[in-house]
Amino acid sequence: MEELLGKLNEGQYAAVTSEERFVRVVAGAGSGKTRVLATRVAYLIANNGVPAQRILAITFTNKAALTMRLRVEEYLELAS
């Protein structure tokens, strides 16, 4: 997980590791939103023991949802 967290900038790191129950990420195109959201989901599962079925991540398209799912799976593999 440290490898993934080390690639984030300060704002991204704060969003991923926030202790708040709910986090909203609003940013422009190409700013790393998908990476931040996927990393946060993996972080919550791997570091905080949150069951995957208790996490809701919303995207606007099926393509984005697939990308998010694949990244979370990849990041969880890296974290273990």
N, C-alpha and C. Protein backbone atom coordinates (compact mmCIF):
# COMPACT_ATOMS: atom_id res chain seq x y z
N MET A 1 0.83 -1.19 0.00
CA MET A 1 0.00 0.00 0.00
C MET A 1 0.88 1.26 0.00
N GLU A 2 2.01 1.19 0.68
CA GLU A 2 2.90 2.36 0.72
C GLU A 2 3.37 2.76 -0.67
N GLU A 3 3.57 1.78 -1.54
CA GLU A 3 3.97 2.06 -2.92
C GLU A 3 2.90 2.90 -3.62
N LEU A 4 1.64 2.55 -3.43
CA LEU A 4 0.54 3.29 -4.04
C LEU A 4 0.41 4.68 -3.44
N LEU A 5 0.49 4.77 -2.13
CA LEU A 5 0.35 6.07 -1.45
C LEU A 5 1.48 7.02 -1.81
N GLY A 6 2.67 6.47 -2.06
CA GLY A 6 3.82 7.29 -2.39
C GLY A 6 3.71 7.98 -3.74
N LYS A 7 2.81 7.49 -4.60
CA LYS A 7 2.64 8.08 -5.92
C LYS A 7 1.61 9.21 -5.94
N LEU A 8 0.99 9.48 -4.81
CA LEU A 8 -0.05 10.51 -4.74
C LEU A 8 0.52 11.85 -4.33
N ASN A 9 -0.08 12.93 -4.85
CA ASN A 9 0.33 14.26 -4.38
C ASN A 9 -0.35 14.52 -3.03
N GLU A 10 -0.07 15.66 -2.44
CA GLU A 10 -0.55 15.97 -1.09
C GLU A 10 -2.08 15.92 -0.97
N GLY A 11 -2.78 16.53 -1.92
CA GLY A 11 -4.24 16.55 -1.89
C GLY A 11 -4.83 15.16 -2.10
N GLN A 12 -4.25 14.41 -3.02
CA GLN A 12 -4.71 13.05 -3.28
C GLN A 12 -4.49 12.17 -2.05
N TYR A 13 -3.33 12.30 -1.44
CA TYR A 13 -3.00 11.52 -0.25
C TYR A 13 -4.00 11.81 0.87
N ALA A 14 -4.33 13.10 1.05
CA ALA A 14 -5.29 13.49 2.09
C ALA A 14 -6.66 12.87 1.84
N ALA A 15 -7.09 12.83 0.58
CA ALA A 15 -8.39 12.24 0.25
C ALA A 15 -8.39 10.74 0.50
N VAL A 16 -7.32 10.06 0.14
CA VAL A 16 -7.25 8.60 0.29
C VAL A 16 -7.21 8.20 1.75
N THR A 17 -6.46 8.90 2.57
CA THR A 17 -6.24 8.50 3.96
C THR A 17 -7.15 9.21 4.95
N SER A 18 -8.10 9.99 4.48
CA SER A 18 -9.00 10.73 5.36
C SER A 18 -9.72 9.79 6.31
N GLU A 19 -9.87 10.22 7.54
CA GLU A 19 -10.59 9.44 8.54
C GLU A 19 -12.09 9.72 8.50
N GLU A 20 -12.50 10.66 7.66
CA GLU A 20 -13.92 10.97 7.52
C GLU A 20 -14.65 9.76 6.95
N ARG A 21 -15.90 9.62 7.34
CA ARG A 21 -16.69 8.48 6.85
C ARG A 21 -17.02 8.61 5.37
N PHE A 22 -17.32 9.83 4.95
CA PHE A 22 -17.67 10.09 3.57
C PHE A 22 -16.65 11.07 2.98
N VAL A 23 -16.23 10.81 1.76
CA VAL A 23 -15.29 11.69 1.08
C VAL A 23 -15.82 11.95 -0.32
N ARG A 24 -15.88 13.22 -0.69
CA ARG A 24 -16.29 13.59 -2.04
C ARG A 24 -15.07 14.14 -2.75
N VAL A 25 -14.81 13.61 -3.93
CA VAL A 25 -13.67 14.06 -4.73
C VAL A 25 -14.20 14.78 -5.95
N VAL A 26 -13.88 16.08 -6.05
CA VAL A 26 -14.30 16.89 -7.19
C VAL A 26 -13.04 17.50 -7.77
N ALA A 27 -12.78 17.19 -9.03
CA ALA A 27 -11.57 17.71 -9.68
C ALA A 27 -11.76 17.67 -11.18
N GLY A 28 -10.91 18.35 -11.88
CA GLY A 28 -10.99 18.44 -13.33
C GLY A 28 -10.49 17.20 -14.04
N ALA A 29 -10.69 17.20 -15.34
CA ALA A 29 -10.27 16.07 -16.18
C ALA A 29 -8.76 15.85 -16.08
N GLY A 30 -8.36 14.61 -16.00
CA GLY A 30 -6.95 14.27 -15.98
C GLY A 30 -6.23 14.55 -14.68
N SER A 31 -6.99 14.80 -13.61
CA SER A 31 -6.36 15.15 -12.34
C SER A 31 -6.10 13.95 -11.43
N GLY A 32 -6.52 12.74 -11.86
CA GLY A 32 -6.26 11.55 -11.07
C GLY A 32 -7.41 11.12 -10.18
N LYS A 33 -8.63 11.53 -10.49
CA LYS A 33 -9.79 11.17 -9.65
C LYS A 33 -9.97 9.66 -9.56
N THR A 34 -9.91 8.97 -10.69
CA THR A 34 -10.12 7.53 -10.68
C THR A 34 -9.05 6.84 -9.85
N ARG A 35 -7.81 7.28 -9.99
CA ARG A 35 -6.72 6.70 -9.19
C ARG A 35 -6.96 6.94 -7.71
N VAL A 36 -7.39 8.14 -7.35
CA VAL A 36 -7.65 8.47 -5.95
C VAL A 36 -8.78 7.61 -5.40
N LEU A 37 -9.88 7.53 -6.13
CA LEU A 37 -11.02 6.76 -5.64
C LEU A 37 -10.70 5.27 -5.53
N ALA A 38 -10.03 4.72 -6.52
CA ALA A 38 -9.66 3.30 -6.48
C ALA A 38 -8.67 3.04 -5.35
N THR A 39 -7.74 3.95 -5.14
CA THR A 39 -6.77 3.79 -4.06
C THR A 39 -7.46 3.88 -2.71
N ARG A 40 -8.42 4.79 -2.58
CA ARG A 40 -9.16 4.91 -1.31
C ARG A 40 -9.94 3.63 -1.01
N VAL A 41 -10.62 3.09 -2.01
CA VAL A 41 -11.37 1.84 -1.79
C VAL A 41 -10.41 0.74 -1.34
N ALA A 42 -9.30 0.59 -2.04
CA ALA A 42 -8.32 -0.44 -1.67
C ALA A 42 -7.76 -0.17 -0.27
N TYR A 43 -7.51 1.10 0.05
CA TYR A 43 -6.99 1.49 1.37
C TYR A 43 -7.98 1.12 2.47
N LEU A 44 -9.25 1.41 2.26
CA LEU A 44 -10.27 1.09 3.26
C LEU A 44 -10.37 -0.41 3.48
N ILE A 45 -10.28 -1.18 2.41
CA ILE A 45 -10.38 -2.63 2.52
C ILE A 45 -9.12 -3.21 3.17
N ALA A 46 -7.96 -2.82 2.68
CA ALA A 46 -6.69 -3.42 3.13
C ALA A 46 -6.23 -2.91 4.49
N ASN A 47 -6.39 -1.61 4.75
CA ASN A 47 -5.84 -1.03 5.98
C ASN A 47 -6.86 -0.86 7.10
N ASN A 48 -8.12 -0.65 6.75
CA ASN A 48 -9.12 -0.36 7.77
C ASN A 48 -10.08 -1.51 7.99
N GLY A 49 -9.94 -2.59 7.21
CA GLY A 49 -10.78 -3.75 7.40
C GLY A 49 -12.24 -3.55 7.03
N VAL A 50 -12.52 -2.58 6.18
CA VAL A 50 -13.90 -2.33 5.75
C VAL A 50 -14.27 -3.38 4.71
N PRO A 51 -15.39 -4.09 4.91
CA PRO A 51 -15.82 -5.07 3.90
C PRO A 51 -16.15 -4.39 2.58
N ALA A 52 -15.73 -4.99 1.48
CA ALA A 52 -15.95 -4.39 0.16
C ALA A 52 -17.41 -4.08 -0.10
N GLN A 53 -18.31 -4.94 0.38
CA GLN A 53 -19.73 -4.73 0.12
C GLN A 53 -20.32 -3.56 0.91
N ARG A 54 -19.53 -2.94 1.78
CA ARG A 54 -19.98 -1.77 2.54
C ARG A 54 -19.51 -0.46 1.92
N ILE A 55 -18.86 -0.53 0.76
CA ILE A 55 -18.32 0.66 0.11
C ILE A 55 -19.12 0.96 -1.15
N LEU A 56 -19.52 2.23 -1.29
CA LEU A 56 -20.23 2.67 -2.48
C LEU A 56 -19.36 3.69 -3.21
N ALA A 57 -19.03 3.39 -4.45
CA ALA A 57 -18.29 4.31 -5.31
C ALA A 57 -19.14 4.52 -6.56
N ILE A 58 -19.43 5.76 -6.89
CA ILE A 58 -20.33 6.07 -8.00
C ILE A 58 -19.54 6.65 -9.16
N THR A 59 -19.84 6.15 -10.36
CA THR A 59 -19.26 6.69 -11.59
C THR A 59 -20.40 7.06 -12.53
N PHE A 60 -20.08 7.75 -13.60
CA PHE A 60 -21.11 8.19 -14.54
C PHE A 60 -21.33 7.24 -15.70
N THR A 61 -20.40 6.33 -15.95
CA THR A 61 -20.54 5.42 -17.09
C THR A 61 -20.16 4.00 -16.69
N ASN A 62 -20.64 3.04 -17.46
CA ASN A 62 -20.26 1.64 -17.23
C ASN A 62 -18.76 1.44 -17.48
N LYS A 63 -18.22 2.15 -18.45
CA LYS A 63 -16.79 2.05 -18.75
C LYS A 63 -15.96 2.51 -17.55
N ALA A 64 -16.37 3.61 -16.94
CA ALA A 64 -15.66 4.12 -15.76
C ALA A 64 -15.79 3.15 -14.59
N ALA A 65 -16.96 2.53 -14.45
CA ALA A 65 -17.17 1.56 -13.37
C ALA A 65 -16.25 0.35 -13.55
N LEU A 66 -16.12 -0.11 -14.77
CA LEU A 66 -15.23 -1.24 -15.05
C LEU A 66 -13.78 -0.88 -14.75
N THR A 67 -13.38 0.30 -15.20
CA THR A 67 -12.02 0.78 -14.92
C THR A 67 -11.77 0.84 -13.42
N MET A 68 -12.73 1.36 -12.68
CA MET A 68 -12.61 1.47 -11.23
C MET A 68 -12.46 0.09 -10.60
N ARG A 69 -13.31 -0.85 -10.99
CA ARG A 69 -13.26 -2.20 -10.42
C ARG A 69 -11.91 -2.86 -10.69
N LEU A 70 -11.43 -2.75 -11.93
CA LEU A 70 -10.14 -3.37 -12.28
C LEU A 70 -8.99 -2.75 -11.51
N ARG A 71 -9.02 -1.45 -11.33
CA ARG A 71 -7.94 -0.79 -10.58
C ARG A 71 -7.98 -1.19 -9.11
N VAL A 72 -9.16 -1.25 -8.52
CA VAL A 72 -9.26 -1.65 -7.12
C VAL A 72 -8.69 -3.06 -6.95
N GLU A 73 -9.05 -3.96 -7.85
CA GLU A 73 -8.52 -5.32 -7.78
C GLU A 73 -7.00 -5.32 -7.89
N GLU A 74 -6.48 -4.54 -8.83
CA GLU A 74 -5.02 -4.44 -9.01
C GLU A 74 -4.35 -3.89 -7.75
N TYR A 75 -4.92 -2.82 -7.20
CA TYR A 75 -4.32 -2.18 -6.02
C TYR A 75 -4.38 -3.10 -4.80
N LEU A 76 -5.44 -3.88 -4.68
CA LEU A 76 -5.53 -4.82 -3.56
C LEU A 76 -4.46 -5.91 -3.68
N GLU A 77 -4.19 -6.34 -4.90
CA GLU A 77 -3.12 -7.32 -5.12
C GLU A 77 -1.77 -6.74 -4.72
N LEU A 78 -1.54 -5.46 -5.07
CA LEU A 78 -0.28 -4.81 -4.71
C LEU A 78 -0.16 -4.63 -3.19
N ALA A 79 -1.30 -4.41 -2.54
CA ALA A 79 -1.30 -4.15 -1.10
C ALA A 79 -1.05 -5.41 -0.28
N SER A 80 -1.30 -6.56 -0.87
CA SER A 80 -1.15 -7.81 -0.09
C SER A 80 0.23 -8.40 -0.21
